Every structure is written in C-alpha cells, then in structure tokens.
Amino acid sequence: MALENATGSSKTKGSLNKAKLSMKEEILFEIPCFYCSNLNNCGLGGGIDPSKCKKLESWLLSC
C-alpha cells in the first residue's frame, strides 16, 4: 500500500485495496492447516499426506 501511495494513487483506491487485503487475511485464518496439530509433520517427507487430509478436503469443498 505504501507503493500505491508513492505512485500517486488516491486515498479511495488505497482504502479499497486495504479492504481487499483484509478479506484475504480473513481467509487465511480459515485454512485448517494453520492451526492443525499435525502441521509440522505434514507435507513432502513429513509423514502426513495433505492430499489425504480430511480437514483440508472438507475446507476446500466448503469454499
């Protein structure tokens, strides 16, 4: 947002971009991976396969 203001964008446009960013941030808090107790073991070589995760599958289907 600092870049937009430096290029001369109006405050209105900056405010709209802030609102979009806030919406994107909210979505991040909904992703089950970020608060999963298996996060450290999940992924390539970690022992837990995200492609078989029921929590992730359920969340993706609800989007």
PDB file of N, CA and C in Angstrom:
ATOM      1  N   MET A   1       0.804  -1.182   0.000  1.00  0.00           N
ATOM      2  CA  MET A   1       0.000   0.000   0.000  1.00  0.00           C
ATOM      3  C   MET A   1       0.855   1.258   0.000  1.00  0.00           C
ATOM      4  N   ALA A   2       2.021   1.182   0.604  1.00  0.00           N
ATOM      5  CA  ALA A   2       2.929   2.321   0.573  1.00  0.00           C
ATOM      6  C   ALA A   2       3.349   2.609  -0.856  1.00  0.00           C
ATOM      7  N   LEU A   3       3.524   1.566  -1.651  1.00  0.00           N
ATOM      8  CA  LEU A   3       3.905   1.737  -3.045  1.00  0.00           C
ATOM      9  C   LEU A   3       2.811   2.457  -3.809  1.00  0.00           C
ATOM     10  N   GLU A   4       1.577   2.099  -3.565  1.00  0.00           N
ATOM     11  CA  GLU A   4       0.483   2.757  -4.261  1.00  0.00           C
ATOM     12  C   GLU A   4       0.433   4.236  -3.920  1.00  0.00           C
ATOM     13  N   ASN A   5       0.605   4.557  -2.637  1.00  0.00           N
ATOM     14  CA  ASN A   5       0.583   5.948  -2.243  1.00  0.00           C
ATOM     15  C   ASN A   5       1.764   6.702  -2.836  1.00  0.00           C
ATOM     16  N   ALA A   6       2.905   6.055  -2.957  1.00  0.00           N
ATOM     17  CA  ALA A   6       4.090   6.691  -3.527  1.00  0.00           C
ATOM     18  C   ALA A   6       3.914   6.963  -5.011  1.00  0.00           C
ATOM     19  N   THR A   7       3.093   6.184  -5.689  1.00  0.00           N
ATOM     20  CA  THR A   7       2.889   6.385  -7.120  1.00  0.00           C
ATOM     21  C   THR A   7       1.779   7.385  -7.401  1.00  0.00           C
ATOM     22  N   GLY A   8       1.166   7.920  -6.353  1.00  0.00           N
ATOM     23  CA  GLY A   8       0.161   8.948  -6.547  1.00  0.00           C
ATOM     24  C   GLY A   8      -1.259   8.438  -6.602  1.00  0.00           C
ATOM     25  N   SER A   9      -1.509   7.219  -6.201  1.00  0.00           N
ATOM     26  CA  SER A   9      -2.875   6.711  -6.180  1.00  0.00           C
ATOM     27  C   SER A   9      -3.685   7.469  -5.149  1.00  0.00           C
ATOM     28  N   SER A  10      -4.966   7.560  -5.398  1.00  0.00           N
ATOM     29  CA  SER A  10      -5.835   8.283  -4.473  1.00  0.00           C
ATOM     30  C   SER A  10      -6.063   7.492  -3.196  1.00  0.00           C
ATOM     31  N   LYS A  11      -6.501   8.190  -2.152  1.00  0.00           N
ATOM     32  CA  LYS A  11      -6.791   7.527  -0.885  1.00  0.00           C
ATOM     33  C   LYS A  11      -7.935   6.537  -1.050  1.00  0.00           C
ATOM     34  N   THR A  12      -8.885   6.850  -1.906  1.00  0.00           N
ATOM     35  CA  THR A  12     -10.022   5.956  -2.111  1.00  0.00           C
ATOM     36  C   THR A  12      -9.544   4.616  -2.641  1.00  0.00           C
ATOM     37  N   LYS A  13      -8.686   4.636  -3.632  1.00  0.00           N
ATOM     38  CA  LYS A  13      -8.167   3.390  -4.185  1.00  0.00           C
ATOM     39  C   LYS A  13      -7.384   2.626  -3.126  1.00  0.00           C
ATOM     40  N   GLY A  14      -6.567   3.330  -2.345  1.00  0.00           N
ATOM     41  CA  GLY A  14      -5.819   2.698  -1.269  1.00  0.00           C
ATOM     42  C   GLY A  14      -6.737   2.065  -0.247  1.00  0.00           C
ATOM     43  N   SER A  15      -7.839   2.733   0.059  1.00  0.00           N
ATOM     44  CA  SER A  15      -8.803   2.191   1.024  1.00  0.00           C
ATOM     45  C   SER A  15      -9.443   0.929   0.490  1.00  0.00           C
ATOM     46  N   LEU A  16      -9.744   0.921  -0.803  1.00  0.00           N
ATOM     47  CA  LEU A  16     -10.328  -0.280  -1.406  1.00  0.00           C
ATOM     48  C   LEU A  16      -9.335  -1.430  -1.363  1.00  0.00           C
ATOM     49  N   ASN A  17      -8.078  -1.143  -1.632  1.00  0.00           N
ATOM     50  CA  ASN A  17      -7.057  -2.186  -1.582  1.00  0.00           C
ATOM     51  C   ASN A  17      -6.874  -2.707  -0.166  1.00  0.00           C
ATOM     52  N   LYS A  18      -6.976  -1.838   0.838  1.00  0.00           N
ATOM     53  CA  LYS A  18      -6.888  -2.274   2.229  1.00  0.00           C
ATOM     54  C   LYS A  18      -8.040  -3.209   2.560  1.00  0.00           C
ATOM     55  N   ALA A  19      -9.235  -2.887   2.054  1.00  0.00           N
ATOM     56  CA  ALA A  19     -10.395  -3.742   2.302  1.00  0.00           C
ATOM     57  C   ALA A  19     -10.191  -5.103   1.657  1.00  0.00           C
ATOM     58  N   LYS A  20      -9.648  -5.130   0.445  1.00  0.00           N
ATOM     59  CA  LYS A  20      -9.375  -6.400  -0.231  1.00  0.00           C
ATOM     60  C   LYS A  20      -8.343  -7.207   0.539  1.00  0.00           C
ATOM     61  N   LEU A  21      -7.317  -6.545   1.036  1.00  0.00           N
ATOM     62  CA  LEU A  21      -6.284  -7.224   1.803  1.00  0.00           C
ATOM     63  C   LEU A  21      -6.880  -7.819   3.072  1.00  0.00           C
ATOM     64  N   SER A  22      -7.741  -7.072   3.745  1.00  0.00           N
ATOM     65  CA  SER A  22      -8.371  -7.577   4.965  1.00  0.00           C
ATOM     66  C   SER A  22      -9.183  -8.822   4.676  1.00  0.00           C
ATOM     67  N   MET A  23      -9.891  -8.845   3.547  1.00  0.00           N
ATOM     68  CA  MET A  23     -10.680 -10.018   3.185  1.00  0.00           C
ATOM     69  C   MET A  23      -9.761 -11.207   2.934  1.00  0.00           C
ATOM     70  N   LYS A  24      -8.643 -10.983   2.284  1.00  0.00           N
ATOM     71  CA  LYS A  24      -7.694 -12.060   2.013  1.00  0.00           C
ATOM     72  C   LYS A  24      -7.104 -12.580   3.315  1.00  0.00           C
ATOM     73  N   GLU A  25      -6.806 -11.683   4.245  1.00  0.00           N
ATOM     74  CA  GLU A  25      -6.254 -12.101   5.530  1.00  0.00           C
ATOM     75  C   GLU A  25      -7.249 -12.958   6.299  1.00  0.00           C
ATOM     76  N   GLU A  26      -8.527 -12.608   6.242  1.00  0.00           N
ATOM     77  CA  GLU A  26      -9.555 -13.386   6.932  1.00  0.00           C
ATOM     78  C   GLU A  26      -9.597 -14.813   6.408  1.00  0.00           C
ATOM     79  N   ILE A  27      -9.438 -14.980   5.122  1.00  0.00           N
ATOM     80  CA  ILE A  27      -9.455 -16.312   4.521  1.00  0.00           C
ATOM     81  C   ILE A  27      -8.303 -17.153   5.065  1.00  0.00           C
ATOM     82  N   LEU A  28      -7.155 -16.534   5.283  1.00  0.00           N
ATOM     83  CA  LEU A  28      -6.006 -17.268   5.816  1.00  0.00           C
ATOM     84  C   LEU A  28      -6.310 -17.888   7.171  1.00  0.00           C
ATOM     85  N   PHE A  29      -7.084 -17.186   7.991  1.00  0.00           N
ATOM     86  CA  PHE A  29      -7.411 -17.700   9.318  1.00  0.00           C
ATOM     87  C   PHE A  29      -8.375 -18.875   9.259  1.00  0.00           C
ATOM     88  N   GLU A  30      -9.034 -19.064   8.122  1.00  0.00           N
ATOM     89  CA  GLU A  30      -9.975 -20.171   7.968  1.00  0.00           C
ATOM     90  C   GLU A  30      -9.298 -21.462   7.509  1.00  0.00           C
ATOM     91  N   ILE A  31      -8.108 -21.372   6.949  1.00  0.00           N
ATOM     92  CA  ILE A  31      -7.411 -22.550   6.440  1.00  0.00           C
ATOM     93  C   ILE A  31      -7.035 -23.450   7.613  1.00  0.00           C
ATOM     94  N   PRO A  32      -7.521 -24.679   7.619  1.00  0.00           N
ATOM     95  CA  PRO A  32      -7.300 -25.554   8.775  1.00  0.00           C
ATOM     96  C   PRO A  32      -5.837 -25.908   9.016  1.00  0.00           C
ATOM     97  N   CYS A  33      -5.014 -25.834   8.014  1.00  0.00           N
ATOM     98  CA  CYS A  33      -3.597 -26.200   8.159  1.00  0.00           C
ATOM     99  C   CYS A  33      -2.878 -25.330   9.185  1.00  0.00           C
ATOM    100  N   PHE A  34      -3.245 -24.064   9.268  1.00  0.00           N
ATOM    101  CA  PHE A  34      -2.516 -23.137  10.122  1.00  0.00           C
ATOM    102  C   PHE A  34      -2.692 -23.408  11.606  1.00  0.00           C
ATOM    103  N   TYR A  35      -3.749 -24.090  11.988  1.00  0.00           N
ATOM    104  CA  TYR A  35      -3.945 -24.400  13.405  1.00  0.00           C
ATOM    105  C   TYR A  35      -4.030 -25.906  13.658  1.00  0.00           C
ATOM    106  N   CYS A  36      -3.591 -26.691  12.700  1.00  0.00           N
ATOM    107  CA  CYS A  36      -3.614 -28.148  12.815  1.00  0.00           C
ATOM    108  C   CYS A  36      -2.441 -28.631  13.677  1.00  0.00           C
ATOM    109  N   SER A  37      -2.726 -29.580  14.542  1.00  0.00           N
ATOM    110  CA  SER A  37      -1.670 -30.124  15.405  1.00  0.00           C
ATOM    111  C   SER A  37      -0.651 -30.954  14.614  1.00  0.00           C
ATOM    112  N   ASN A  38      -0.980 -31.319  13.386  1.00  0.00           N
ATOM    113  CA  ASN A  38      -0.075 -32.114  12.547  1.00  0.00           C
ATOM    114  C   ASN A  38       0.735 -31.271  11.560  1.00  0.00           C
ATOM    115  N   LEU A  39       0.655 -29.973  11.657  1.00  0.00           N
ATOM    116  CA  LEU A  39       1.292 -29.085  10.680  1.00  0.00           C
ATOM    117  C   LEU A  39       2.781 -29.376  10.499  1.00  0.00           C
ATOM    118  N   ASN A  40       3.492 -29.605  11.568  1.00  0.00           N
ATOM    119  CA  ASN A  40       4.942 -29.839  11.474  1.00  0.00           C
ATOM    120  C   ASN A  40       5.294 -31.163  10.810  1.00  0.00           C
ATOM    121  N   ASN A  41       4.361 -32.082  10.736  1.00  0.00           N
ATOM    122  CA  ASN A  41       4.612 -33.392  10.128  1.00  0.00           C
ATOM    123  C   ASN A  41       3.961 -33.536   8.758  1.00  0.00           C
ATOM    124  N   CYS A  42       3.319 -32.489   8.304  1.00  0.00           N
ATOM    125  CA  CYS A  42       2.539 -32.555   7.073  1.00  0.00           C
ATOM    126  C   CYS A  42       3.362 -32.063   5.882  1.00  0.00           C
ATOM    127  N   GLY A  43       3.243 -32.773   4.777  1.00  0.00           N
ATOM    128  CA  GLY A  43       3.911 -32.357   3.560  1.00  0.00           C
ATOM    129  C   GLY A  43       4.915 -33.382   3.081  1.00  0.00           C
ATOM    130  N   LEU A  44       5.655 -33.005   2.077  1.00  0.00           N
ATOM    131  CA  LEU A  44       6.630 -33.878   1.446  1.00  0.00           C
ATOM    132  C   LEU A  44       7.655 -34.371   2.465  1.00  0.00           C
ATOM    133  N   GLY A  45       7.688 -35.664   2.679  1.00  0.00           N
ATOM    134  CA  GLY A  45       8.634 -36.264   3.602  1.00  0.00           C
ATOM    135  C   GLY A  45       8.283 -36.117   5.073  1.00  0.00           C
ATOM    136  N   GLY A  46       7.101 -35.593   5.363  1.00  0.00           N
ATOM    137  CA  GLY A  46       6.736 -35.337   6.747  1.00  0.00           C
ATOM    138  C   GLY A  46       5.940 -36.431   7.411  1.00  0.00           C
ATOM    139  N   GLY A  47       5.484 -37.396   6.672  1.00  0.00           N
ATOM    140  CA  GLY A  47       4.728 -38.497   7.264  1.00  0.00           C
ATOM    141  C   GLY A  47       3.225 -38.344   7.147  1.00  0.00           C
ATOM    142  N   ILE A  48       2.741 -37.138   6.929  1.00  0.00           N
ATOM    143  CA  ILE A  48       1.309 -36.915   6.743  1.00  0.00           C
ATOM    144  C   ILE A  48       1.119 -36.324   5.353  1.00  0.00           C
ATOM    145  N   ASP A  49       0.208 -36.910   4.617  1.00  0.00           N
ATOM    146  CA  ASP A  49      -0.033 -36.516   3.230  1.00  0.00           C
ATOM    147  C   ASP A  49      -1.210 -35.540   3.162  1.00  0.00           C
ATOM    148  N   PRO A  50      -0.971 -34.275   2.795  1.00  0.00           N
ATOM    149  CA  PRO A  50      -2.061 -33.305   2.731  1.00  0.00           C
ATOM    150  C   PRO A  50      -3.138 -33.679   1.708  1.00  0.00           C
ATOM    151  N   SER A  51      -2.784 -34.482   0.713  1.00  0.00           N
ATOM    152  CA  SER A  51      -3.785 -34.880  -0.283  1.00  0.00           C
ATOM    153  C   SER A  51      -4.798 -35.868   0.287  1.00  0.00           C
ATOM    154  N   LYS A  52      -4.508 -36.413   1.472  1.00  0.00           N
ATOM    155  CA  LYS A  52      -5.427 -37.352   2.119  1.00  0.00           C
ATOM    156  C   LYS A  52      -6.024 -36.781   3.406  1.00  0.00           C
ATOM    157  N   CYS A  53      -5.820 -35.500   3.650  1.00  0.00           N
ATOM    158  CA  CYS A  53      -6.284 -34.861   4.882  1.00  0.00           C
ATOM    159  C   CYS A  53      -7.777 -34.552   4.791  1.00  0.00           C
ATOM    160  N   LYS A  54      -8.543 -35.101   5.713  1.00  0.00           N
ATOM    161  CA  LYS A  54      -9.998 -34.900   5.726  1.00  0.00           C
ATOM    162  C   LYS A  54     -10.361 -33.465   6.107  1.00  0.00           C
ATOM    163  N   LYS A  55      -9.586 -32.850   7.017  1.00  0.00           N
ATOM    164  CA  LYS A  55      -9.862 -31.458   7.409  1.00  0.00           C
ATOM    165  C   LYS A  55      -9.671 -30.521   6.220  1.00  0.00           C
ATOM    166  N   LEU A  56      -8.578 -30.705   5.500  1.00  0.00           N
ATOM    167  CA  LEU A  56      -8.292 -29.862   4.343  1.00  0.00           C
ATOM    168  C   LEU A  56      -9.312 -30.100   3.239  1.00  0.00           C
ATOM    169  N   GLU A  57      -9.644 -31.352   3.001  1.00  0.00           N
ATOM    170  CA  GLU A  57     -10.638 -31.683   1.978  1.00  0.00           C
ATOM    171  C   GLU A  57     -11.982 -31.037   2.298  1.00  0.00           C
ATOM    172  N   SER A  58     -12.404 -31.138   3.527  1.00  0.00           N
ATOM    173  CA  SER A  58     -13.673 -30.554   3.942  1.00  0.00           C
ATOM    174  C   SER A  58     -13.669 -29.041   3.753  1.00  0.00           C
ATOM    175  N   TRP A  59     -12.570 -28.393   4.129  1.00  0.00           N
ATOM    176  CA  TRP A  59     -12.472 -26.945   3.977  1.00  0.00           C
ATOM    177  C   TRP A  59     -12.498 -26.548   2.503  1.00  0.00           C
ATOM    178  N   LEU A  60     -11.761 -27.257   1.667  1.00  0.00           N
ATOM    179  CA  LEU A  60     -11.727 -26.945   0.235  1.00  0.00           C
ATOM    180  C   LEU A  60     -13.096 -27.108  -0.410  1.00  0.00           C
ATOM    181  N   LEU A  61     -13.826 -28.123  -0.007  1.00  0.00           N
ATOM    182  CA  LEU A  61     -15.158 -28.349  -0.567  1.00  0.00           C
ATOM    183  C   LEU A  61     -16.165 -27.303  -0.099  1.00  0.00           C
ATOM    184  N   SER A  62     -15.891 -26.671   1.027  1.00  0.00           N
ATOM    185  CA  SER A  62     -16.814 -25.661   1.549  1.00  0.00           C
ATOM    186  C   SER A  62     -16.585 -24.281   0.931  1.00  0.00           C
ATOM    187  N   CYS A  63     -15.471 -24.100   0.227  1.00  0.00           N
ATOM    188  CA  CYS A  63     -15.143 -22.787  -0.364  1.00  0.00           C
ATOM    189  C   CYS A  63     -15.968 -22.484  -1.586  1.00  0.00           C
TER     190      CYS A  63
END
